[in-house]
Amino acid sequence: MLTARAAAEHLGVGYSTLKQWIRGGKIRTTRTAGGHHRVSESEIDRLLAPHTSPGRARISERATVVILGLSGRNRLRGFVEEVRADGVLGQVRLRIGTATLTAVITSDALNELKLRRGDEALAIIKATDVMIAREVAEPIHRQMKSRRAAAR
């Protein structure tokens, strides 16, 4: 028997998502004497098993699918700080430690994710160009030289 957090990790979903599945009856659990949910390994296996019939390789629109792996290696786990939607686009602001990351995604994706403030979420960054900068204080003689040039 796994805790809800461990089960969520095995399934590759957030803890809040797993709790919604439990409340919605999509996943079977056993309760401890203290009222905590435990998920059996057979239930995890059931959820990870393919949802297709032998003759069809198509997944219905209503099926719940779980991503087992992802090629993106730059994954940042955080909490949703703000969600805004306006027309075709939406904005999600994630709090990752002391930093904030803002992502602009389609409103369709935003509706599908059903993100709410406080939800745990994962930012997966896939980029072909990454720039890194380092700031250092400019030496005083350079500052004075550039000020003189600007005054001319």
N, C-alpha and C. Protein backbone atom coordinates (compact mmCIF):
# COMPACT_ATOMS: atom_id res chain seq x y z
N MET A 1 0.84 -1.19 0.00
CA MET A 1 0.00 0.00 0.00
C MET A 1 0.88 1.24 0.00
N LEU A 2 0.54 2.18 -0.88
CA LEU A 2 1.31 3.41 -1.02
C LEU A 2 0.53 4.60 -0.47
N THR A 3 1.25 5.58 0.03
CA THR A 3 0.60 6.83 0.44
C THR A 3 0.13 7.54 -0.82
N ALA A 4 -0.74 8.52 -0.65
CA ALA A 4 -1.25 9.26 -1.81
C ALA A 4 -0.12 9.97 -2.54
N ARG A 5 0.83 10.52 -1.81
CA ARG A 5 1.97 11.20 -2.45
C ARG A 5 2.82 10.23 -3.25
N ALA A 6 3.10 9.06 -2.67
CA ALA A 6 3.91 8.05 -3.38
C ALA A 6 3.17 7.54 -4.61
N ALA A 7 1.86 7.35 -4.49
CA ALA A 7 1.06 6.90 -5.64
C ALA A 7 1.07 7.94 -6.74
N ALA A 8 0.94 9.21 -6.37
CA ALA A 8 0.97 10.29 -7.37
C ALA A 8 2.30 10.29 -8.10
N GLU A 9 3.38 10.09 -7.37
CA GLU A 9 4.71 10.06 -7.98
C GLU A 9 4.84 8.88 -8.95
N HIS A 10 4.34 7.70 -8.54
CA HIS A 10 4.37 6.53 -9.42
C HIS A 10 3.57 6.76 -10.70
N LEU A 11 2.45 7.47 -10.57
CA LEU A 11 1.58 7.71 -11.72
C LEU A 11 2.05 8.89 -12.56
N GLY A 12 2.98 9.68 -12.03
CA GLY A 12 3.48 10.83 -12.77
C GLY A 12 2.52 12.00 -12.78
N VAL A 13 1.72 12.12 -11.72
CA VAL A 13 0.77 13.24 -11.61
C VAL A 13 1.02 13.97 -10.31
N GLY A 14 0.47 15.14 -10.18
CA GLY A 14 0.60 15.91 -8.96
C GLY A 14 -0.28 15.34 -7.85
N TYR A 15 0.09 15.64 -6.63
CA TYR A 15 -0.66 15.17 -5.46
C TYR A 15 -2.11 15.67 -5.52
N SER A 16 -2.28 16.95 -5.90
CA SER A 16 -3.64 17.51 -5.95
C SER A 16 -4.49 16.80 -7.01
N THR A 17 -3.86 16.41 -8.13
CA THR A 17 -4.58 15.67 -9.16
C THR A 17 -5.05 14.33 -8.62
N LEU A 18 -4.16 13.62 -7.94
CA LEU A 18 -4.52 12.32 -7.38
C LEU A 18 -5.66 12.47 -6.37
N LYS A 19 -5.61 13.51 -5.54
CA LYS A 19 -6.69 13.73 -4.57
C LYS A 19 -8.02 13.99 -5.28
N GLN A 20 -7.98 14.71 -6.40
CA GLN A 20 -9.21 14.94 -7.18
C GLN A 20 -9.73 13.62 -7.73
N TRP A 21 -8.83 12.76 -8.20
CA TRP A 21 -9.24 11.45 -8.71
C TRP A 21 -9.88 10.62 -7.60
N ILE A 22 -9.32 10.69 -6.41
CA ILE A 22 -9.87 9.94 -5.27
C ILE A 22 -11.27 10.45 -4.95
N ARG A 23 -11.41 11.78 -4.85
CA ARG A 23 -12.72 12.36 -4.54
C ARG A 23 -13.74 12.07 -5.65
N GLY A 24 -13.27 12.02 -6.90
CA GLY A 24 -14.16 11.74 -8.03
C GLY A 24 -14.44 10.27 -8.25
N GLY A 25 -13.82 9.39 -7.46
CA GLY A 25 -14.06 7.96 -7.59
C GLY A 25 -13.32 7.30 -8.74
N LYS A 26 -12.34 7.97 -9.32
CA LYS A 26 -11.59 7.41 -10.45
C LYS A 26 -10.51 6.43 -9.99
N ILE A 27 -10.17 6.48 -8.72
CA ILE A 27 -9.14 5.60 -8.18
C ILE A 27 -9.64 5.02 -6.86
N ARG A 28 -9.42 3.72 -6.68
CA ARG A 28 -9.88 3.05 -5.45
C ARG A 28 -8.79 3.12 -4.39
N THR A 29 -9.19 3.47 -3.18
CA THR A 29 -8.22 3.55 -2.08
C THR A 29 -8.78 2.84 -0.86
N THR A 30 -7.90 2.63 0.09
CA THR A 30 -8.26 2.11 1.40
C THR A 30 -7.92 3.22 2.39
N ARG A 31 -8.74 3.37 3.40
CA ARG A 31 -8.46 4.41 4.41
C ARG A 31 -7.86 3.80 5.65
N THR A 32 -6.89 4.51 6.22
CA THR A 32 -6.28 4.07 7.47
C THR A 32 -7.21 4.47 8.61
N ALA A 33 -6.87 4.03 9.81
CA ALA A 33 -7.66 4.39 10.98
C ALA A 33 -7.70 5.90 11.18
N GLY A 34 -6.63 6.58 10.75
CA GLY A 34 -6.56 8.03 10.87
C GLY A 34 -7.23 8.77 9.72
N GLY A 35 -7.82 8.03 8.75
CA GLY A 35 -8.53 8.64 7.65
C GLY A 35 -7.68 8.96 6.42
N HIS A 36 -6.43 8.49 6.41
CA HIS A 36 -5.55 8.75 5.27
C HIS A 36 -5.77 7.70 4.18
N HIS A 37 -5.65 8.13 2.93
CA HIS A 37 -5.84 7.23 1.80
C HIS A 37 -4.57 6.44 1.52
N ARG A 38 -4.75 5.16 1.21
CA ARG A 38 -3.65 4.30 0.77
C ARG A 38 -4.08 3.67 -0.55
N VAL A 39 -3.13 3.57 -1.49
CA VAL A 39 -3.41 3.04 -2.81
C VAL A 39 -2.62 1.75 -2.99
N SER A 40 -3.30 0.71 -3.41
CA SER A 40 -2.62 -0.58 -3.61
C SER A 40 -1.81 -0.55 -4.90
N GLU A 41 -0.79 -1.39 -4.96
CA GLU A 41 0.03 -1.47 -6.18
C GLU A 41 -0.79 -2.00 -7.34
N SER A 42 -1.76 -2.86 -7.07
CA SER A 42 -2.60 -3.38 -8.15
C SER A 42 -3.46 -2.26 -8.75
N GLU A 43 -3.86 -1.28 -7.93
CA GLU A 43 -4.62 -0.14 -8.43
C GLU A 43 -3.72 0.75 -9.30
N ILE A 44 -2.47 0.91 -8.90
CA ILE A 44 -1.51 1.66 -9.71
C ILE A 44 -1.33 0.97 -11.06
N ASP A 45 -1.17 -0.37 -11.03
CA ASP A 45 -1.02 -1.15 -12.26
C ASP A 45 -2.25 -0.99 -13.16
N ARG A 46 -3.43 -0.99 -12.55
CA ARG A 46 -4.68 -0.85 -13.32
C ARG A 46 -4.70 0.50 -14.04
N LEU A 47 -4.26 1.55 -13.35
CA LEU A 47 -4.28 2.88 -13.94
C LEU A 47 -3.21 3.04 -15.01
N LEU A 48 -2.10 2.32 -14.87
CA LEU A 48 -1.03 2.43 -15.85
C LEU A 48 -1.23 1.51 -17.05
N ALA A 49 -2.15 0.54 -16.93
CA ALA A 49 -2.39 -0.40 -18.04
C ALA A 49 -2.99 0.35 -19.22
N PRO A 50 -2.70 -0.12 -20.44
CA PRO A 50 -3.28 0.55 -21.63
C PRO A 50 -4.80 0.51 -21.59
N HIS A 51 -5.41 1.60 -22.01
CA HIS A 51 -6.87 1.71 -22.01
C HIS A 51 -7.49 1.34 -23.35
N THR A 52 -6.76 0.63 -24.18
CA THR A 52 -7.29 0.33 -25.51
C THR A 52 -7.68 -1.14 -25.62
N SER A 53 -8.66 -1.40 -26.44
CA SER A 53 -9.05 -2.78 -26.71
C SER A 53 -8.08 -3.35 -27.73
N PRO A 54 -7.94 -4.69 -27.81
CA PRO A 54 -6.96 -5.27 -28.72
C PRO A 54 -7.13 -4.84 -30.17
N GLY A 55 -8.35 -4.66 -30.64
CA GLY A 55 -8.59 -4.31 -32.03
C GLY A 55 -8.41 -2.84 -32.34
N ARG A 56 -8.34 -1.99 -31.33
CA ARG A 56 -8.27 -0.55 -31.56
C ARG A 56 -7.10 0.07 -30.82
N ALA A 57 -6.37 0.90 -31.49
CA ALA A 57 -5.24 1.58 -30.86
C ALA A 57 -5.59 3.03 -30.56
N ARG A 58 -6.85 3.36 -30.64
CA ARG A 58 -7.30 4.74 -30.46
C ARG A 58 -7.79 4.94 -29.02
N ILE A 59 -7.45 6.08 -28.44
CA ILE A 59 -7.90 6.42 -27.09
C ILE A 59 -9.04 7.40 -27.22
N SER A 60 -10.13 7.14 -26.52
CA SER A 60 -11.27 8.04 -26.63
C SER A 60 -10.94 9.39 -26.01
N GLU A 61 -11.68 10.42 -26.39
CA GLU A 61 -11.44 11.76 -25.87
C GLU A 61 -11.65 11.83 -24.37
N ARG A 62 -12.52 11.02 -23.84
CA ARG A 62 -12.85 11.06 -22.41
C ARG A 62 -11.90 10.24 -21.56
N ALA A 63 -11.03 9.42 -22.15
CA ALA A 63 -10.13 8.56 -21.39
C ALA A 63 -9.11 9.41 -20.63
N THR A 64 -8.76 8.96 -19.44
CA THR A 64 -7.72 9.61 -18.67
C THR A 64 -6.42 8.91 -19.01
N VAL A 65 -5.47 9.67 -19.51
CA VAL A 65 -4.18 9.10 -19.87
C VAL A 65 -3.10 9.69 -18.98
N VAL A 66 -2.10 8.90 -18.70
CA VAL A 66 -1.00 9.31 -17.84
C VAL A 66 0.27 9.26 -18.67
N ILE A 67 1.04 10.33 -18.63
CA ILE A 67 2.32 10.36 -19.34
C ILE A 67 3.33 9.61 -18.48
N LEU A 68 3.93 8.57 -19.04
CA LEU A 68 4.88 7.76 -18.30
C LEU A 68 6.29 8.33 -18.36
N GLY A 69 6.62 9.03 -19.42
CA GLY A 69 7.95 9.59 -19.56
C GLY A 69 7.91 10.79 -20.48
N LEU A 70 8.95 11.59 -20.42
CA LEU A 70 9.02 12.79 -21.23
C LEU A 70 10.48 13.07 -21.54
N SER A 71 10.77 13.47 -22.77
CA SER A 71 12.15 13.67 -23.17
C SER A 71 12.77 14.94 -22.58
N GLY A 72 11.97 15.92 -22.22
CA GLY A 72 12.49 17.17 -21.66
C GLY A 72 13.15 16.94 -20.32
N ARG A 73 14.37 17.40 -20.17
CA ARG A 73 15.11 17.17 -18.92
C ARG A 73 15.06 18.35 -17.96
N ASN A 74 14.73 19.52 -18.45
CA ASN A 74 14.69 20.71 -17.60
C ASN A 74 13.31 20.84 -16.98
N ARG A 75 13.12 20.20 -15.84
CA ARG A 75 11.82 20.17 -15.17
C ARG A 75 11.91 20.96 -13.86
N LEU A 76 11.01 21.88 -13.69
CA LEU A 76 10.98 22.70 -12.48
C LEU A 76 9.62 22.52 -11.81
N ARG A 77 9.62 22.01 -10.60
CA ARG A 77 8.39 21.76 -9.86
C ARG A 77 8.07 22.98 -9.00
N GLY A 78 6.80 23.39 -9.04
CA GLY A 78 6.41 24.55 -8.26
C GLY A 78 4.93 24.55 -7.96
N PHE A 79 4.45 25.68 -7.48
CA PHE A 79 3.05 25.84 -7.13
C PHE A 79 2.45 26.98 -7.94
N VAL A 80 1.23 26.79 -8.38
CA VAL A 80 0.55 27.79 -9.19
C VAL A 80 0.24 29.00 -8.31
N GLU A 81 0.73 30.14 -8.75
CA GLU A 81 0.51 31.39 -8.02
C GLU A 81 -0.64 32.18 -8.63
N GLU A 82 -0.78 32.09 -9.97
CA GLU A 82 -1.83 32.84 -10.64
C GLU A 82 -2.16 32.18 -11.98
N VAL A 83 -3.44 32.19 -12.34
CA VAL A 83 -3.90 31.68 -13.64
C VAL A 83 -4.80 32.74 -14.24
N ARG A 84 -4.49 33.14 -15.50
CA ARG A 84 -5.33 34.12 -16.19
C ARG A 84 -5.58 33.63 -17.61
N ALA A 85 -6.78 33.84 -18.09
CA ALA A 85 -7.11 33.49 -19.47
C ALA A 85 -7.75 34.70 -20.13
N ASP A 86 -7.37 34.92 -21.39
CA ASP A 86 -7.93 36.02 -22.14
C ASP A 86 -7.96 35.62 -23.61
N GLY A 87 -9.13 35.29 -24.10
CA GLY A 87 -9.26 34.89 -25.50
C GLY A 87 -8.58 33.57 -25.79
N VAL A 88 -7.69 33.56 -26.76
CA VAL A 88 -7.03 32.34 -27.21
C VAL A 88 -5.90 31.92 -26.28
N LEU A 89 -5.30 32.88 -25.56
CA LEU A 89 -4.14 32.59 -24.71
C LEU A 89 -4.46 32.68 -23.23
N GLY A 90 -3.65 31.98 -22.46
CA GLY A 90 -3.74 32.03 -21.01
C GLY A 90 -2.34 32.18 -20.44
N GLN A 91 -2.28 32.59 -19.18
CA GLN A 91 -1.00 32.78 -18.51
C GLN A 91 -1.00 32.05 -17.19
N VAL A 92 0.07 31.34 -16.91
CA VAL A 92 0.23 30.62 -15.64
C VAL A 92 1.51 31.13 -14.99
N ARG A 93 1.41 31.52 -13.73
CA ARG A 93 2.58 31.95 -12.99
C ARG A 93 2.86 30.90 -11.91
N LEU A 94 4.08 30.32 -11.98
CA LEU A 94 4.49 29.29 -11.03
C LEU A 94 5.49 29.86 -10.04
N ARG A 95 5.35 29.51 -8.79
CA ARG A 95 6.33 29.86 -7.76
C ARG A 95 7.23 28.65 -7.60
N ILE A 96 8.51 28.83 -7.92
CA ILE A 96 9.50 27.76 -7.83
C ILE A 96 10.56 28.23 -6.85
N GLY A 97 10.46 27.77 -5.62
CA GLY A 97 11.36 28.26 -4.57
C GLY A 97 11.12 29.74 -4.37
N THR A 98 12.18 30.54 -4.54
CA THR A 98 12.04 32.00 -4.39
C THR A 98 11.83 32.68 -5.74
N ALA A 99 11.85 31.90 -6.82
CA ALA A 99 11.70 32.46 -8.17
C ALA A 99 10.28 32.29 -8.68
N THR A 100 9.93 33.10 -9.67
CA THR A 100 8.63 33.01 -10.32
C THR A 100 8.86 32.77 -11.81
N LEU A 101 8.12 31.83 -12.37
CA LEU A 101 8.20 31.53 -13.79
C LEU A 101 6.82 31.78 -14.39
N THR A 102 6.77 32.50 -15.50
CA THR A 102 5.51 32.79 -16.17
C THR A 102 5.50 32.09 -17.51
N ALA A 103 4.43 31.36 -17.78
CA ALA A 103 4.29 30.65 -19.05
C ALA A 103 3.00 31.12 -19.73
N VAL A 104 3.09 31.35 -21.03
CA VAL A 104 1.92 31.69 -21.84
C VAL A 104 1.57 30.45 -22.65
N ILE A 105 0.34 29.96 -22.45
CA ILE A 105 -0.11 28.75 -23.13
C ILE A 105 -1.49 29.03 -23.73
N THR A 106 -1.97 28.12 -24.54
CA THR A 106 -3.29 28.33 -25.13
C THR A 106 -4.37 28.18 -24.06
N SER A 107 -5.49 28.83 -24.28
CA SER A 107 -6.62 28.71 -23.35
C SER A 107 -7.15 27.28 -23.32
N ASP A 108 -7.10 26.59 -24.48
CA ASP A 108 -7.51 25.18 -24.52
C ASP A 108 -6.67 24.34 -23.57
N ALA A 109 -5.34 24.53 -23.60
CA ALA A 109 -4.45 23.79 -22.71
C ALA A 109 -4.73 24.15 -21.26
N LEU A 110 -5.00 25.41 -21.01
CA LEU A 110 -5.31 25.87 -19.66
C LEU A 110 -6.58 25.20 -19.13
N ASN A 111 -7.61 25.11 -19.98
CA ASN A 111 -8.86 24.46 -19.59
C ASN A 111 -8.64 22.97 -19.34
N GLU A 112 -7.82 22.34 -20.17
CA GLU A 112 -7.56 20.91 -20.03
C GLU A 112 -6.80 20.61 -18.74
N LEU A 113 -5.85 21.46 -18.38
CA LEU A 113 -5.05 21.26 -17.18
C LEU A 113 -5.84 21.54 -15.89
N LYS A 114 -6.86 22.37 -15.99
CA LYS A 114 -7.70 22.73 -14.83
C LYS A 114 -6.85 23.20 -13.64
N LEU A 115 -5.90 24.07 -13.94
CA LEU A 115 -5.01 24.58 -12.89
C LEU A 115 -5.72 25.62 -12.04
N ARG A 116 -5.48 25.55 -10.76
CA ARG A 116 -6.02 26.51 -9.81
C ARG A 116 -4.89 27.00 -8.92
N ARG A 117 -5.04 28.16 -8.35
CA ARG A 117 -4.04 28.71 -7.44
C ARG A 117 -3.77 27.70 -6.32
N GLY A 118 -2.49 27.45 -6.05
CA GLY A 118 -2.10 26.52 -5.00
C GLY A 118 -1.82 25.11 -5.49
N ASP A 119 -2.26 24.78 -6.72
CA ASP A 119 -1.98 23.45 -7.28
C ASP A 119 -0.50 23.28 -7.51
N GLU A 120 -0.04 22.04 -7.38
CA GLU A 120 1.34 21.72 -7.72
C GLU A 120 1.40 21.51 -9.23
N ALA A 121 2.45 22.03 -9.86
CA ALA A 121 2.58 21.89 -11.31
C ALA A 121 4.05 21.78 -11.68
N LEU A 122 4.28 21.35 -12.89
CA LEU A 122 5.63 21.12 -13.38
C LEU A 122 5.85 21.96 -14.63
N ALA A 123 6.91 22.76 -14.65
CA ALA A 123 7.29 23.50 -15.84
C ALA A 123 8.36 22.68 -16.54
N ILE A 124 8.13 22.35 -17.79
CA ILE A 124 9.09 21.57 -18.56
C ILE A 124 9.61 22.49 -19.66
N ILE A 125 10.90 22.74 -19.63
CA ILE A 125 11.49 23.72 -20.53
C ILE A 125 12.27 23.00 -21.62
N LYS A 126 11.86 23.26 -22.84
CA LYS A 126 12.54 22.69 -24.01
C LYS A 126 12.97 23.87 -24.86
N ALA A 127 14.27 24.07 -24.99
CA ALA A 127 14.76 25.21 -25.75
C ALA A 127 16.01 24.83 -26.52
N THR A 128 16.15 25.37 -27.70
CA THR A 128 17.36 25.14 -28.48
C THR A 128 18.42 26.17 -28.14
N ASP A 129 18.01 27.31 -27.62
CA ASP A 129 18.96 28.36 -27.24
C ASP A 129 18.73 28.74 -25.78
N VAL A 130 19.79 28.68 -25.01
CA VAL A 130 19.74 29.11 -23.62
C VAL A 130 20.87 30.08 -23.42
N MET A 131 20.57 31.25 -22.91
CA MET A 131 21.60 32.25 -22.65
C MET A 131 21.85 32.34 -21.16
N ILE A 132 23.10 32.48 -20.80
CA ILE A 132 23.47 32.62 -19.39
C ILE A 132 24.30 33.88 -19.28
N ALA A 133 24.02 34.71 -18.29
CA ALA A 133 24.76 35.96 -18.09
C ALA A 133 25.26 36.02 -16.66
N ARG A 134 26.29 36.80 -16.49
CA ARG A 134 26.83 37.03 -15.16
C ARG A 134 27.06 38.53 -15.02
N GLU A 135 26.57 39.09 -13.96
CA GLU A 135 26.72 40.52 -13.75
C GLU A 135 27.90 40.80 -12.83
N VAL A 136 28.69 41.80 -13.19
CA VAL A 136 29.78 42.27 -12.33
C VAL A 136 29.73 43.79 -12.35
N ALA A 137 30.17 44.37 -11.27
CA ALA A 137 30.20 45.84 -11.20
C ALA A 137 31.23 46.36 -12.17
N GLU A 138 30.88 47.43 -12.90
CA GLU A 138 31.79 48.04 -13.88
C GLU A 138 32.85 48.82 -13.11
N PRO A 139 34.13 48.68 -13.49
CA PRO A 139 35.18 49.46 -12.80
C PRO A 139 34.91 50.95 -12.89
N ILE A 140 35.27 51.70 -11.86
CA ILE A 140 34.97 53.13 -11.77
C ILE A 140 35.58 53.92 -12.92
N HIS A 141 36.83 53.62 -13.37
CA HIS A 141 37.44 54.39 -14.45
C HIS A 141 36.66 54.23 -15.75
N ARG A 142 36.02 53.10 -16.00
CA ARG A 142 35.20 52.91 -17.19
C ARG A 142 33.91 53.73 -17.10
N GLN A 143 33.34 53.76 -15.89
CA GLN A 143 32.12 54.54 -15.70
C GLN A 143 32.37 56.01 -15.99
N MET A 144 33.49 56.53 -15.50
CA MET A 144 33.80 57.96 -15.69
C MET A 144 34.07 58.25 -17.16
N LYS A 145 34.78 57.35 -17.85
CA LYS A 145 35.08 57.52 -19.27
C LYS A 145 33.79 57.55 -20.08
N SER A 146 32.83 56.64 -19.78
CA SER A 146 31.58 56.59 -20.53
C SER A 146 30.71 57.81 -20.23
N ARG A 147 30.78 58.34 -19.03
CA ARG A 147 30.02 59.55 -18.70
C ARG A 147 30.55 60.75 -19.45
N ARG A 148 31.88 60.85 -19.57
CA ARG A 148 32.47 61.95 -20.32
C ARG A 148 32.09 61.89 -21.79
N ALA A 149 32.10 60.67 -22.33
CA ALA A 149 31.73 60.50 -23.74
C ALA A 149 30.27 60.86 -23.98
N ALA A 150 29.43 60.56 -23.03
CA ALA A 150 28.00 60.86 -23.16
C ALA A 150 27.74 62.36 -23.04
N ALA A 151 28.56 63.06 -22.29
CA ALA A 151 28.38 64.48 -22.09
C ALA A 151 28.74 65.28 -23.33
N ARG A 152 29.57 64.74 -24.21
CA ARG A 152 29.98 65.47 -25.43
C ARG A 152 28.89 65.60 -26.36
